[in-house]
Amino acid sequence: MGRFVPFIVGGLVGACAAMAFTPRTGAENREYVMDQVENVKDSLAGVAGQSPQQVYQDVKESAANFAQEAKGTVEEKIADLKAGKSGEDELREKIEAARQRIADQVVQNAEESRAAVEEKVADVTEPVVEAISDVVEAATDAVAEAAEAAPEAAPAE
């Protein structure tokens, strides 16, 4: 019994480490853990009528399978790291995609603002042009009247 408890604790620590480095999402991990808990419950129900030697053999096989699976996961992660794949690359890709979306949105907003400004300028320009035309016309009329009045007011030589 003295060696069994450290074995179980080591298995649990290894399981936690394997879960931390797994490529699955949190929801997938929770589902996996629940499936494993169900498997253990089923195994324990089947163990009730088995001999201690048979239980030992089953535990030994399960531990070997788990160790092999954990080893494969760790080797996969090491290979990914050596190949340059990491969470950083994925994060960088997501950041770059977000930057591109923001840049596209800024361009779209600028174009919409430009169109709105052009519309407002057109609305304001028309009355200003009409006012300038009125002033020019009034000035032209005033100059014409002044020109007509000037020969009459000019001193005779």
C-alpha atoms as a PDB file:
ATOM      1  CA  MET A   1       0.000   0.000   0.000  1.00  0.00           C
ATOM      2  CA  GLY A   2       2.995   2.327   0.590  1.00  0.00           C
ATOM      3  CA  ARG A   3       3.860   2.387  -3.124  1.00  0.00           C
ATOM      4  CA  PHE A   4       0.320   2.551  -4.408  1.00  0.00           C
ATOM      5  CA  VAL A   5      -0.536   6.051  -3.116  1.00  0.00           C
ATOM      6  CA  PRO A   6       2.527   7.740  -4.690  1.00  0.00           C
ATOM      7  CA  PHE A   7       1.712   5.873  -7.903  1.00  0.00           C
ATOM      8  CA  ILE A   8      -1.838   7.255  -7.944  1.00  0.00           C
ATOM      9  CA  VAL A   9      -0.641  10.766  -7.042  1.00  0.00           C
ATOM     10  CA  GLY A  10       1.979  10.601  -9.803  1.00  0.00           C
ATOM     11  CA  GLY A  11      -0.667   9.457 -12.247  1.00  0.00           C
ATOM     12  CA  LEU A  12      -2.924  12.348 -11.285  1.00  0.00           C
ATOM     13  CA  VAL A  13      -0.084  14.851 -11.636  1.00  0.00           C
ATOM     14  CA  GLY A  14       0.788  13.392 -15.020  1.00  0.00           C
ATOM     15  CA  ALA A  15      -2.848  13.550 -16.089  1.00  0.00           C
ATOM     16  CA  CYS A  16      -3.040  17.213 -15.101  1.00  0.00           C
ATOM     17  CA  ALA A  17       0.151  17.971 -17.031  1.00  0.00           C
ATOM     18  CA  ALA A  18      -1.153  16.123 -20.093  1.00  0.00           C
ATOM     19  CA  MET A  19      -4.437  18.041 -19.921  1.00  0.00           C
ATOM     20  CA  ALA A  20      -2.563  21.356 -19.692  1.00  0.00           C
ATOM     21  CA  PHE A  21      -0.578  20.637 -22.856  1.00  0.00           C
ATOM     22  CA  THR A  22      -3.322  19.063 -24.909  1.00  0.00           C
ATOM     23  CA  PRO A  23      -4.334  20.776 -28.169  1.00  0.00           C
ATOM     24  CA  ARG A  24      -8.028  20.441 -27.253  1.00  0.00           C
ATOM     25  CA  THR A  25     -10.217  23.293 -26.052  1.00  0.00           C
ATOM     26  CA  GLY A  26     -11.421  23.565 -22.457  1.00  0.00           C
ATOM     27  CA  ALA A  27     -14.859  22.227 -23.381  1.00  0.00           C
ATOM     28  CA  GLU A  28     -13.287  19.243 -25.164  1.00  0.00           C
ATOM     29  CA  ASN A  29     -11.043  18.601 -22.160  1.00  0.00           C
ATOM     30  CA  ARG A  30     -13.990  18.668 -19.764  1.00  0.00           C
ATOM     31  CA  GLU A  31     -15.876  16.243 -21.982  1.00  0.00           C
ATOM     32  CA  TYR A  32     -12.822  13.984 -22.154  1.00  0.00           C
ATOM     33  CA  VAL A  33     -12.419  14.035 -18.362  1.00  0.00           C
ATOM     34  CA  MET A  34     -16.099  13.223 -17.863  1.00  0.00           C
ATOM     35  CA  ASP A  35     -15.780  10.301 -20.299  1.00  0.00           C
ATOM     36  CA  GLN A  36     -12.761   9.054 -18.369  1.00  0.00           C
ATOM     37  CA  VAL A  37     -14.627   9.378 -15.057  1.00  0.00           C
ATOM     38  CA  GLU A  38     -17.451   7.307 -16.527  1.00  0.00           C
ATOM     39  CA  ASN A  39     -14.912   4.728 -17.705  1.00  0.00           C
ATOM     40  CA  VAL A  40     -13.389   4.564 -14.223  1.00  0.00           C
ATOM     41  CA  LYS A  41     -16.828   4.166 -12.653  1.00  0.00           C
ATOM     42  CA  ASP A  42     -17.588   1.335 -15.065  1.00  0.00           C
ATOM     43  CA  SER A  43     -14.201  -0.224 -14.346  1.00  0.00           C
ATOM     44  CA  LEU A  44     -14.720  -0.011 -10.608  1.00  0.00           C
ATOM     45  CA  ALA A  45     -18.110  -1.674 -10.959  1.00  0.00           C
ATOM     46  CA  GLY A  46     -16.418  -4.502 -12.859  1.00  0.00           C
ATOM     47  CA  VAL A  47     -13.570  -4.719 -10.330  1.00  0.00           C
ATOM     48  CA  ALA A  48     -15.865  -5.653  -7.466  1.00  0.00           C
ATOM     49  CA  GLY A  49     -15.883  -9.318  -8.462  1.00  0.00           C
ATOM     50  CA  GLN A  50     -12.242  -9.591  -9.666  1.00  0.00           C
ATOM     51  CA  SER A  51      -9.231 -10.953  -7.893  1.00  0.00           C
ATOM     52  CA  PRO A  52      -6.551  -8.517  -6.659  1.00  0.00           C
ATOM     53  CA  GLN A  53      -4.112  -9.878  -9.253  1.00  0.00           C
ATOM     54  CA  GLN A  54      -6.578  -9.168 -12.055  1.00  0.00           C
ATOM     55  CA  VAL A  55      -7.231  -5.643 -10.718  1.00  0.00           C
ATOM     56  CA  TYR A  56      -3.474  -5.059 -10.543  1.00  0.00           C
ATOM     57  CA  GLN A  57      -3.070  -6.238 -14.135  1.00  0.00           C
ATOM     58  CA  ASP A  58      -5.889  -3.986 -15.348  1.00  0.00           C
ATOM     59  CA  VAL A  59      -4.459  -0.969 -13.509  1.00  0.00           C
ATOM     60  CA  LYS A  60      -1.020  -1.730 -14.913  1.00  0.00           C
ATOM     61  CA  GLU A  61      -2.387  -1.868 -18.484  1.00  0.00           C
ATOM     62  CA  SER A  62      -4.382   1.309 -18.024  1.00  0.00           C
ATOM     63  CA  ALA A  63      -1.358   3.113 -16.625  1.00  0.00           C
ATOM     64  CA  ALA A  64       0.794   1.922 -19.521  1.00  0.00           C
ATOM     65  CA  ASN A  65      -1.815   3.119 -22.042  1.00  0.00           C
ATOM     66  CA  PHE A  66      -2.114   6.472 -20.305  1.00  0.00           C
ATOM     67  CA  ALA A  67       1.666   6.861 -20.131  1.00  0.00           C
ATOM     68  CA  GLN A  68       1.946   6.087 -23.840  1.00  0.00           C
ATOM     69  CA  GLU A  69      -0.759   8.625 -24.659  1.00  0.00           C
ATOM     70  CA  ALA A  70       0.876  11.278 -22.475  1.00  0.00           C
ATOM     71  CA  LYS A  71       4.258  10.535 -24.022  1.00  0.00           C
ATOM     72  CA  GLY A  72       2.797  10.969 -27.500  1.00  0.00           C
ATOM     73  CA  THR A  73       1.254  14.300 -26.513  1.00  0.00           C
ATOM     74  CA  VAL A  74       4.502  15.570 -25.011  1.00  0.00           C
ATOM     75  CA  GLU A  75       6.489  14.445 -28.056  1.00  0.00           C
ATOM     76  CA  GLU A  76       3.978  16.196 -30.309  1.00  0.00           C
ATOM     77  CA  LYS A  77       4.349  19.443 -28.351  1.00  0.00           C
ATOM     78  CA  ILE A  78       8.137  19.188 -28.443  1.00  0.00           C
ATOM     79  CA  ALA A  79       8.056  18.608 -32.209  1.00  0.00           C
ATOM     80  CA  ASP A  80       5.760  21.622 -32.637  1.00  0.00           C
ATOM     81  CA  LEU A  81       8.093  23.801 -30.587  1.00  0.00           C
ATOM     82  CA  LYS A  82      11.138  22.618 -32.523  1.00  0.00           C
ATOM     83  CA  ALA A  83       9.341  23.283 -35.802  1.00  0.00           C
ATOM     84  CA  GLY A  84       8.626  26.812 -34.647  1.00  0.00           C
ATOM     85  CA  LYS A  85       4.935  26.291 -34.128  1.00  0.00           C
ATOM     86  CA  SER A  86       3.658  27.739 -30.946  1.00  0.00           C
ATOM     87  CA  GLY A  87       0.775  29.553 -29.433  1.00  0.00           C
ATOM     88  CA  GLU A  88       2.663  32.760 -30.155  1.00  0.00           C
ATOM     89  CA  ASP A  89       2.389  32.209 -33.915  1.00  0.00           C
ATOM     90  CA  GLU A  90      -1.338  31.641 -33.639  1.00  0.00           C
ATOM     91  CA  LEU A  91      -1.686  34.697 -31.424  1.00  0.00           C
ATOM     92  CA  ARG A  92       0.305  36.802 -33.881  1.00  0.00           C
ATOM     93  CA  GLU A  93      -1.935  35.659 -36.717  1.00  0.00           C
ATOM     94  CA  LYS A  94      -5.020  36.611 -34.715  1.00  0.00           C
ATOM     95  CA  ILE A  95      -3.539  40.008 -33.844  1.00  0.00           C
ATOM     96  CA  GLU A  96      -2.658  40.652 -37.487  1.00  0.00           C
ATOM     97  CA  ALA A  97      -6.170  39.675 -38.579  1.00  0.00           C
ATOM     98  CA  ALA A  98      -7.617  42.042 -35.961  1.00  0.00           C
ATOM     99  CA  ARG A  99      -5.325  44.835 -37.155  1.00  0.00           C
ATOM    100  CA  GLN A 100      -6.475  44.270 -40.726  1.00  0.00           C
ATOM    101  CA  ARG A 101     -10.142  44.358 -39.684  1.00  0.00           C
ATOM    102  CA  ILE A 102      -9.529  47.604 -37.778  1.00  0.00           C
ATOM    103  CA  ALA A 103      -7.697  49.148 -40.747  1.00  0.00           C
ATOM    104  CA  ASP A 104     -10.524  48.138 -43.074  1.00  0.00           C
ATOM    105  CA  GLN A 105     -13.058  49.666 -40.689  1.00  0.00           C
ATOM    106  CA  VAL A 106     -11.048  52.905 -40.453  1.00  0.00           C
ATOM    107  CA  VAL A 107     -10.932  53.144 -44.270  1.00  0.00           C
ATOM    108  CA  GLN A 108     -14.664  52.484 -44.488  1.00  0.00           C
ATOM    109  CA  ASN A 109     -15.404  55.111 -41.814  1.00  0.00           C
ATOM    110  CA  ALA A 110     -13.165  57.637 -43.601  1.00  0.00           C
ATOM    111  CA  GLU A 111     -14.945  57.038 -46.896  1.00  0.00           C
ATOM    112  CA  GLU A 112     -18.339  57.439 -45.236  1.00  0.00           C
ATOM    113  CA  SER A 113     -17.161  60.646 -43.528  1.00  0.00           C
ATOM    114  CA  ARG A 114     -15.789  62.006 -46.828  1.00  0.00           C
ATOM    115  CA  ALA A 115     -19.113  61.327 -48.547  1.00  0.00           C
ATOM    116  CA  ALA A 116     -21.012  63.055 -45.732  1.00  0.00           C
ATOM    117  CA  VAL A 117     -18.673  66.076 -45.850  1.00  0.00           C
ATOM    118  CA  GLU A 118     -19.021  66.319 -49.635  1.00  0.00           C
ATOM    119  CA  GLU A 119     -22.797  66.275 -49.266  1.00  0.00           C
ATOM    120  CA  LYS A 120     -22.706  69.002 -46.602  1.00  0.00           C
ATOM    121  CA  VAL A 121     -20.302  71.097 -48.696  1.00  0.00           C
ATOM    122  CA  ALA A 122     -22.651  70.797 -51.669  1.00  0.00           C
ATOM    123  CA  ASP A 123     -25.576  71.867 -49.481  1.00  0.00           C
ATOM    124  CA  VAL A 124     -23.651  74.896 -48.187  1.00  0.00           C
ATOM    125  CA  THR A 125     -21.952  75.805 -51.483  1.00  0.00           C
ATOM    126  CA  GLU A 126     -25.144  76.350 -53.459  1.00  0.00           C
ATOM    127  CA  PRO A 127     -26.503  79.157 -51.232  1.00  0.00           C
ATOM    128  CA  VAL A 128     -23.044  80.758 -51.049  1.00  0.00           C
ATOM    129  CA  VAL A 129     -22.723  80.748 -54.848  1.00  0.00           C
ATOM    130  CA  GLU A 130     -26.211  82.261 -55.130  1.00  0.00           C
ATOM    131  CA  ALA A 131     -25.304  84.936 -52.570  1.00  0.00           C
ATOM    132  CA  ILE A 132     -22.070  85.754 -54.416  1.00  0.00           C
ATOM    133  CA  SER A 133     -23.986  85.931 -57.713  1.00  0.00           C
ATOM    134  CA  ASP A 134     -26.467  88.327 -56.091  1.00  0.00           C
ATOM    135  CA  VAL A 135     -23.624  90.475 -54.746  1.00  0.00           C
ATOM    136  CA  VAL A 136     -21.856  90.503 -58.123  1.00  0.00           C
ATOM    137  CA  GLU A 137     -25.110  91.398 -59.857  1.00  0.00           C
ATOM    138  CA  ALA A 138     -25.797  94.157 -57.322  1.00  0.00           C
ATOM    139  CA  ALA A 139     -22.228  95.447 -57.689  1.00  0.00           C
ATOM    140  CA  THR A 140     -22.531  95.374 -61.479  1.00  0.00           C
ATOM    141  CA  ASP A 141     -25.793  97.301 -61.275  1.00  0.00           C
ATOM    142  CA  ALA A 142     -24.226  99.811 -58.879  1.00  0.00           C
ATOM    143  CA  VAL A 143     -21.230 100.298 -61.176  1.00  0.00           C
ATOM    144  CA  ALA A 144     -23.540 100.755 -64.160  1.00  0.00           C
ATOM    145  CA  GLU A 145     -25.632 103.311 -62.281  1.00  0.00           C
ATOM    146  CA  ALA A 146     -22.471 105.094 -61.148  1.00  0.00           C
ATOM    147  CA  ALA A 147     -21.204 105.143 -64.715  1.00  0.00           C
ATOM    148  CA  GLU A 148     -24.474 106.628 -65.959  1.00  0.00           C
ATOM    149  CA  ALA A 149     -24.477 109.215 -63.197  1.00  0.00           C
ATOM    150  CA  ALA A 150     -20.834 110.078 -63.676  1.00  0.00           C
ATOM    151  CA  PRO A 151     -21.154 111.903 -67.018  1.00  0.00           C
ATOM    152  CA  GLU A 152     -23.910 113.990 -65.564  1.00  0.00           C
ATOM    153  CA  ALA A 153     -21.925 114.852 -62.503  1.00  0.00           C
ATOM    154  CA  ALA A 154     -18.651 115.456 -64.304  1.00  0.00           C
ATOM    155  CA  PRO A 155     -17.624 119.165 -64.415  1.00  0.00           C
ATOM    156  CA  ALA A 156     -17.844 120.826 -67.786  1.00  0.00           C
ATOM    157  CA  GLU A 157     -14.633 121.966 -69.333  1.00  0.00           C
END
